[in-house]
């Protein structure tokens, strides 16, 4: 299915509008995240659990 030039133009303008609209919030969010303490173990533990569970499921087949 091929889009017309007007649809592509509208989607581009809509994407730029969303970026401009959300820009101040994203900038403030990035500034707050630089000040926040890092908690890598809190992020790595669930990821490791999921990886181990997937390996377990693959080994069961």
N, C-alpha and C. Protein backbone atom coordinates (compact mmCIF):
# COMPACT_ATOMS: atom_id res chain seq x y z
N UNK A 1 0.85 -1.17 0.00
CA UNK A 1 0.00 0.00 0.00
C UNK A 1 0.90 1.24 0.00
N UNK A 2 0.65 2.10 -0.95
CA UNK A 2 1.49 3.27 -1.13
C UNK A 2 0.76 4.51 -0.61
N UNK A 3 1.47 5.35 0.15
CA UNK A 3 0.89 6.58 0.68
C UNK A 3 1.07 7.71 -0.31
N UNK A 4 0.12 8.62 -0.28
CA UNK A 4 0.25 9.78 -1.15
C UNK A 4 1.20 10.79 -0.52
N UNK A 5 1.59 11.77 -1.28
CA UNK A 5 2.51 12.80 -0.80
C UNK A 5 1.88 13.58 0.35
N UNK A 6 0.56 13.77 0.30
CA UNK A 6 -0.11 14.54 1.36
C UNK A 6 -0.12 13.76 2.69
N UNK A 7 -0.27 12.45 2.61
CA UNK A 7 -0.22 11.65 3.83
C UNK A 7 1.18 11.68 4.45
N UNK A 8 2.19 11.56 3.61
CA UNK A 8 3.57 11.63 4.11
C UNK A 8 3.87 13.00 4.71
N UNK A 9 3.41 14.04 4.06
CA UNK A 9 3.61 15.39 4.56
C UNK A 9 2.91 15.58 5.90
N UNK A 10 1.68 15.10 6.01
CA UNK A 10 0.93 15.22 7.26
C UNK A 10 1.63 14.45 8.38
N UNK A 11 2.09 13.24 8.10
CA UNK A 11 2.77 12.45 9.12
C UNK A 11 4.06 13.12 9.58
N UNK A 12 4.79 13.72 8.65
CA UNK A 12 6.01 14.43 9.01
C UNK A 12 5.74 15.64 9.89
N UNK A 13 4.71 16.41 9.53
CA UNK A 13 4.35 17.58 10.33
C UNK A 13 3.84 17.15 11.70
N UNK A 14 3.06 16.08 11.76
CA UNK A 14 2.56 15.57 13.03
C UNK A 14 3.72 15.11 13.92
N UNK A 15 4.70 14.41 13.35
CA UNK A 15 5.85 13.94 14.12
C UNK A 15 6.65 15.13 14.67
N UNK A 16 6.88 16.12 13.84
CA UNK A 16 7.60 17.31 14.31
C UNK A 16 6.81 18.04 15.39
N UNK A 17 5.50 18.13 15.22
CA UNK A 17 4.66 18.77 16.22
C UNK A 17 4.72 18.06 17.56
N UNK A 18 4.71 16.73 17.54
CA UNK A 18 4.79 15.97 18.79
C UNK A 18 6.15 16.17 19.45
N UNK A 19 7.21 16.19 18.65
CA UNK A 19 8.55 16.41 19.22
C UNK A 19 8.65 17.79 19.85
N UNK A 20 8.12 18.81 19.18
CA UNK A 20 8.16 20.17 19.73
C UNK A 20 7.30 20.26 20.98
N UNK A 21 6.15 19.62 20.97
CA UNK A 21 5.21 19.68 22.09
C UNK A 21 5.79 18.99 23.33
N UNK A 22 6.48 17.87 23.13
CA UNK A 22 7.01 17.12 24.26
C UNK A 22 8.45 17.50 24.60
N UNK A 23 9.07 18.37 23.83
CA UNK A 23 10.47 18.75 24.04
C UNK A 23 10.80 19.26 25.42
N UNK A 24 10.05 20.21 25.98
CA UNK A 24 10.40 20.71 27.32
C UNK A 24 10.33 19.61 28.39
N UNK A 25 9.36 18.73 28.29
CA UNK A 25 9.26 17.64 29.27
C UNK A 25 10.41 16.66 29.14
N UNK A 26 10.82 16.38 27.93
CA UNK A 26 11.95 15.47 27.71
C UNK A 26 13.24 16.09 28.24
N UNK A 27 13.41 17.39 28.00
CA UNK A 27 14.62 18.08 28.48
C UNK A 27 14.68 18.07 30.00
N UNK A 28 13.57 18.34 30.66
CA UNK A 28 13.53 18.32 32.13
C UNK A 28 13.75 16.92 32.67
N UNK A 29 13.21 15.95 32.00
CA UNK A 29 13.38 14.55 32.41
C UNK A 29 14.83 14.12 32.32
N UNK A 30 15.51 14.50 31.25
CA UNK A 30 16.93 14.18 31.11
C UNK A 30 17.77 14.87 32.17
N UNK A 31 17.42 16.10 32.52
CA UNK A 31 18.16 16.82 33.55
C UNK A 31 17.99 16.15 34.91
N UNK A 32 16.78 15.70 35.23
CA UNK A 32 16.54 15.00 36.50
C UNK A 32 17.25 13.66 36.54
N UNK A 33 17.31 12.96 35.41
CA UNK A 33 17.93 11.63 35.40
C UNK A 33 19.43 11.71 35.63
N UNK A 34 20.06 12.82 35.27
CA UNK A 34 21.49 12.97 35.50
C UNK A 34 21.80 13.10 36.98
N UNK A 35 20.85 13.64 37.76
CA UNK A 35 21.05 13.84 39.19
C UNK A 35 20.65 12.62 40.01
N UNK A 36 19.90 11.71 39.43
CA UNK A 36 19.40 10.55 40.17
C UNK A 36 20.51 9.53 40.38
N UNK A 37 20.48 8.84 41.53
CA UNK A 37 21.48 7.78 41.75
C UNK A 37 21.21 6.59 40.83
N UNK A 38 22.27 5.94 40.42
CA UNK A 38 22.09 4.80 39.52
C UNK A 38 21.86 3.53 40.32
N UNK A 39 21.04 2.65 39.80
CA UNK A 39 20.71 1.40 40.46
C UNK A 39 20.77 0.29 39.42
N UNK A 40 22.00 -0.06 39.01
CA UNK A 40 22.16 -1.05 37.95
C UNK A 40 21.71 -2.44 38.39
N UNK A 41 21.93 -2.78 39.64
CA UNK A 41 21.52 -4.11 40.10
C UNK A 41 20.00 -4.25 40.05
N UNK A 42 19.29 -3.20 40.31
CA UNK A 42 17.83 -3.24 40.24
C UNK A 42 17.34 -3.43 38.82
N UNK A 43 18.11 -3.03 37.84
CA UNK A 43 17.72 -3.22 36.45
C UNK A 43 18.23 -4.55 35.90
N UNK A 44 19.41 -4.98 36.34
CA UNK A 44 20.01 -6.19 35.79
C UNK A 44 19.39 -7.47 36.33
N UNK A 45 18.92 -7.45 37.56
CA UNK A 45 18.35 -8.66 38.15
C UNK A 45 17.12 -9.16 37.38
N UNK A 46 16.12 -8.33 37.07
CA UNK A 46 14.98 -8.84 36.29
C UNK A 46 15.38 -9.28 34.88
N UNK A 47 16.31 -8.56 34.26
CA UNK A 47 16.75 -8.95 32.92
C UNK A 47 17.44 -10.31 32.98
N UNK A 48 18.29 -10.52 33.97
CA UNK A 48 18.96 -11.81 34.11
C UNK A 48 17.95 -12.92 34.37
N UNK A 49 16.93 -12.63 35.16
CA UNK A 49 15.89 -13.62 35.42
C UNK A 49 15.16 -14.02 34.15
N UNK A 50 14.84 -13.06 33.32
CA UNK A 50 14.14 -13.35 32.06
C UNK A 50 15.05 -14.16 31.13
N UNK A 51 16.32 -13.79 31.05
CA UNK A 51 17.25 -14.52 30.19
C UNK A 51 17.39 -15.96 30.66
N UNK A 52 17.54 -16.17 31.96
CA UNK A 52 17.64 -17.52 32.49
C UNK A 52 16.36 -18.32 32.24
N UNK A 53 15.22 -17.68 32.38
CA UNK A 53 13.95 -18.37 32.12
C UNK A 53 13.83 -18.76 30.66
N UNK A 54 14.24 -17.91 29.74
CA UNK A 54 14.19 -18.23 28.32
C UNK A 54 15.14 -19.38 28.01
N UNK A 55 16.33 -19.35 28.59
CA UNK A 55 17.27 -20.46 28.40
C UNK A 55 16.67 -21.75 28.92
N UNK A 56 16.03 -21.69 30.09
CA UNK A 56 15.38 -22.86 30.65
C UNK A 56 14.31 -23.40 29.70
N UNK A 57 13.49 -22.51 29.14
CA UNK A 57 12.45 -22.94 28.22
C UNK A 57 13.03 -23.57 26.96
N UNK A 58 14.13 -23.01 26.46
CA UNK A 58 14.76 -23.57 25.26
C UNK A 58 15.33 -24.96 25.57
N UNK A 59 15.92 -25.12 26.75
CA UNK A 59 16.50 -26.41 27.12
C UNK A 59 15.42 -27.48 27.32
N UNK A 60 14.22 -27.07 27.64
CA UNK A 60 13.14 -28.03 27.88
C UNK A 60 12.58 -28.61 26.57
N UNK A 61 12.86 -28.00 25.45
CA UNK A 61 12.32 -28.46 24.18
C UNK A 61 13.16 -29.58 23.61
